[in-house]
Amino acid sequence: MSYSFLTPGPTIVWANSPSGGQLGLAATSLASGAACQGDKSPTLLDATKGLAEWIYCLPETIPATAPADFLNFEWWLGWSDSATPATNNPAGLTGVSGAFASPGSAKNLLTFVGSIISSNAIGAALHRQDPFFVRVKNICFIPLLANSSGVALSAVAGSTKFSVTPFYRVNQ
């Protein structure tokens, strides 16, 4: 009898002020109402396992000051069939960490990952939502963070992170 299961690949991490193999995410002091994009991911196509089926996404951020309750730090993905940063990206994404000028209309062309819901009680401390699983749609992606929290994000290095672990199907 044969069966299959999902096995995790290496975790990919985006961060403001990246270090130690992390990819860039220009979220340092990101103003409310603004958005930023991260560097394009490495390919999710593994030479022995094929294309990942799911990605496990863990977003986290620290606001500069206590936000009002029930506002959002929204996370989105733009999928691409190319590992080259500026090639075949949706919604005007560049594939390079930086500001993103018009998230409102562009979000319709992206995949919604989920929102971290702001909490005044947590204040200017770590805001983290339960992890999200997203079905893989292509070999690479670009994360987008839209800040609708009413406050800017922290200027502290590493205070905003987006961790992704791909999961591959293995047949036995």
Protein backbone atom coordinates (compact mmCIF):
# COMPACT_ATOMS: atom_id res chain seq x y z
CA MET A 1 0.00 0.00 0.00
CA SER A 2 1.34 3.43 -0.87
CA TYR A 3 0.64 6.69 0.87
CA SER A 4 1.78 10.28 0.75
CA PHE A 5 2.46 12.96 3.32
CA LEU A 6 3.64 16.55 3.45
CA THR A 7 7.17 17.28 4.56
CA PRO A 8 8.54 20.75 5.36
CA GLY A 9 11.28 22.44 3.38
CA PRO A 10 13.63 25.13 4.69
CA THR A 11 11.99 28.18 6.27
CA ILE A 12 12.38 31.50 4.44
CA VAL A 13 12.35 34.68 6.55
CA TRP A 14 11.76 38.29 5.48
CA ALA A 15 12.58 41.08 7.93
CA ASN A 16 13.06 44.81 8.15
CA SER A 17 16.85 45.23 8.49
CA PRO A 18 17.50 41.62 7.41
CA SER A 19 20.51 39.66 8.63
CA GLY A 20 21.82 36.11 8.55
CA GLY A 21 20.26 34.94 5.28
CA GLN A 22 16.99 36.78 5.71
CA LEU A 23 15.35 38.56 2.78
CA GLY A 24 14.47 42.24 2.88
CA LEU A 25 11.06 43.67 3.77
CA ALA A 26 11.00 47.49 3.81
CA ALA A 27 8.70 47.76 6.85
CA THR A 28 10.87 49.95 9.09
CA SER A 29 8.68 52.82 10.41
CA LEU A 30 6.02 51.97 7.78
CA ALA A 31 3.28 54.60 8.13
CA SER A 32 -0.37 53.69 8.56
CA GLY A 33 -2.03 53.67 5.15
CA ALA A 34 1.24 52.72 3.46
CA ALA A 35 2.45 49.40 2.08
CA CYS A 36 5.78 47.73 1.40
CA GLN A 37 6.93 44.73 -0.56
CA GLY A 38 9.64 42.22 0.20
CA ASP A 39 12.30 40.64 -1.96
CA LYS A 40 11.09 37.88 -4.29
CA SER A 41 11.25 34.43 -2.71
CA PRO A 42 13.66 31.74 -3.81
CA THR A 43 11.98 29.14 -5.98
CA LEU A 44 9.58 26.69 -4.33
CA LEU A 45 10.46 24.10 -6.98
CA ASP A 46 12.65 21.44 -5.35
CA ALA A 47 14.81 19.25 -7.63
CA THR A 48 13.75 16.03 -5.85
CA LYS A 49 10.33 16.85 -4.36
CA GLY A 50 8.80 18.99 -7.10
CA LEU A 51 6.72 22.10 -6.44
CA ALA A 52 5.65 22.81 -2.86
CA GLU A 53 1.90 22.33 -2.32
CA TRP A 54 1.37 24.60 0.68
CA ILE A 55 3.23 27.33 2.51
CA TYR A 56 2.93 27.92 6.24
CA CYS A 57 3.03 31.67 6.84
CA LEU A 58 3.78 33.29 10.20
CA PRO A 59 3.57 37.11 10.09
CA GLU A 60 4.53 39.28 13.06
CA THR A 61 5.12 42.96 13.67
CA ILE A 62 5.61 45.54 16.40
CA PRO A 63 3.86 48.90 16.08
CA ALA A 64 5.75 52.02 17.15
CA THR A 65 2.93 52.99 19.54
CA ALA A 66 -0.21 51.29 20.81
CA PRO A 67 -2.75 50.97 17.98
CA ALA A 68 -6.52 51.12 18.36
CA ASP A 69 -8.27 47.76 18.67
CA PHE A 70 -9.44 45.75 15.66
CA LEU A 71 -7.44 47.45 12.91
CA ASN A 72 -5.21 45.49 10.51
CA PHE A 73 -1.72 44.67 9.42
CA GLU A 74 -2.65 42.94 6.11
CA TRP A 75 -0.40 40.38 4.39
CA TRP A 76 -0.66 39.54 0.68
CA LEU A 77 1.33 37.49 -1.85
CA GLY A 78 2.05 38.15 -5.52
CA TRP A 79 2.86 34.93 -7.40
CA SER A 80 5.40 34.72 -10.23
CA ASP A 81 6.64 32.04 -12.63
CA SER A 82 10.13 33.57 -12.66
CA ALA A 83 12.89 33.64 -10.05
CA THR A 84 14.26 36.88 -11.56
CA PRO A 85 13.18 39.81 -9.34
CA ALA A 86 11.74 42.13 -12.02
CA THR A 87 10.20 39.44 -14.26
CA ASN A 88 6.53 38.37 -14.48
CA ASN A 89 5.34 39.99 -11.27
CA PRO A 90 1.69 40.90 -10.73
CA ALA A 91 0.20 44.25 -9.67
CA GLY A 92 3.34 46.31 -10.28
CA LEU A 93 5.46 44.48 -7.71
CA THR A 94 9.18 44.81 -8.43
CA GLY A 95 10.52 41.77 -6.58
CA VAL A 96 12.88 44.00 -4.59
CA SER A 97 12.25 45.17 -1.03
CA GLY A 98 10.80 48.68 -1.01
CA ALA A 99 7.76 50.90 -0.73
CA PHE A 100 4.62 50.01 -2.67
CA ALA A 101 2.69 53.05 -3.85
CA SER A 102 -0.90 51.94 -4.48
CA PRO A 103 -1.91 48.86 -2.49
CA GLY A 104 -5.66 49.51 -2.69
CA SER A 105 -6.29 48.48 -6.28
CA ALA A 106 -3.29 46.15 -6.52
CA LYS A 107 -4.58 43.88 -3.76
CA ASN A 108 -7.26 42.60 -6.16
CA LEU A 109 -4.46 40.97 -8.18
CA LEU A 110 -2.78 39.31 -5.19
CA THR A 111 -3.51 36.40 -2.86
CA PHE A 112 -4.70 37.40 0.60
CA VAL A 113 -2.72 35.61 3.32
CA GLY A 114 -4.42 37.09 6.37
CA SER A 115 -4.42 39.98 8.81
CA ILE A 116 -2.84 40.54 12.17
CA ILE A 117 -5.59 42.25 14.14
CA SER A 118 -4.28 45.14 16.23
CA SER A 119 -4.74 45.26 19.99
CA ASN A 120 -4.45 48.34 22.16
CA ALA A 121 -3.94 46.08 25.20
CA ILE A 122 -0.80 44.57 23.63
CA GLY A 123 0.39 48.11 22.86
CA ALA A 124 3.76 48.61 21.21
CA ALA A 125 4.71 44.95 21.68
CA LEU A 126 4.76 41.95 19.37
CA HIS A 127 1.54 41.42 17.39
CA ARG A 128 1.34 37.92 15.92
CA GLN A 129 -1.63 36.09 14.45
CA ASP A 130 -2.13 32.34 14.28
CA PRO A 131 -0.21 30.95 11.30
CA PHE A 132 -1.87 30.81 7.89
CA PHE A 133 -1.61 28.01 5.32
CA VAL A 134 -1.72 29.17 1.70
CA ARG A 135 -1.96 26.95 -1.38
CA VAL A 136 1.06 27.42 -3.67
CA LYS A 137 0.12 28.95 -7.03
CA ASN A 138 3.52 29.31 -8.73
CA ILE A 139 7.25 28.84 -8.19
CA CYS A 140 8.01 32.21 -6.52
CA PHE A 141 6.18 34.93 -4.63
CA ILE A 142 6.58 38.45 -3.29
CA PRO A 143 5.12 39.34 0.12
CA LEU A 144 3.26 42.61 0.56
CA LEU A 145 2.41 44.24 3.89
CA ALA A 146 -0.34 46.88 3.98
CA ASN A 147 -0.46 48.79 7.27
CA SER A 148 -4.03 49.79 8.17
CA SER A 149 -3.39 49.90 11.93
CA GLY A 150 -3.65 53.65 12.47
CA VAL A 151 -0.03 53.84 13.69
CA ALA A 152 3.45 53.46 12.15
CA LEU A 153 5.46 50.28 12.58
CA SER A 154 8.54 50.11 14.80
CA ALA A 155 11.91 51.36 13.59
CA VAL A 156 13.71 48.57 15.49
CA ALA A 157 15.64 46.13 13.28
CA GLY A 158 13.91 42.77 13.00
CA SER A 159 10.64 44.03 14.50
CA THR A 160 8.60 42.98 11.45
CA LYS A 161 9.05 39.45 10.10
CA PHE A 162 7.28 37.18 7.65
CA SER A 163 8.35 33.53 7.98
CA VAL A 164 7.33 30.97 5.37
CA THR A 165 7.87 27.21 5.41
CA PRO A 166 7.05 25.36 2.17
CA PHE A 167 5.50 21.88 2.41
CA TYR A 168 6.17 19.25 -0.26
CA ARG A 169 4.21 16.09 -1.11
CA VAL A 170 6.25 12.91 -0.60
CA ASN A 171 4.95 9.55 -1.85
CA GLN A 172 5.88 6.32 -0.08
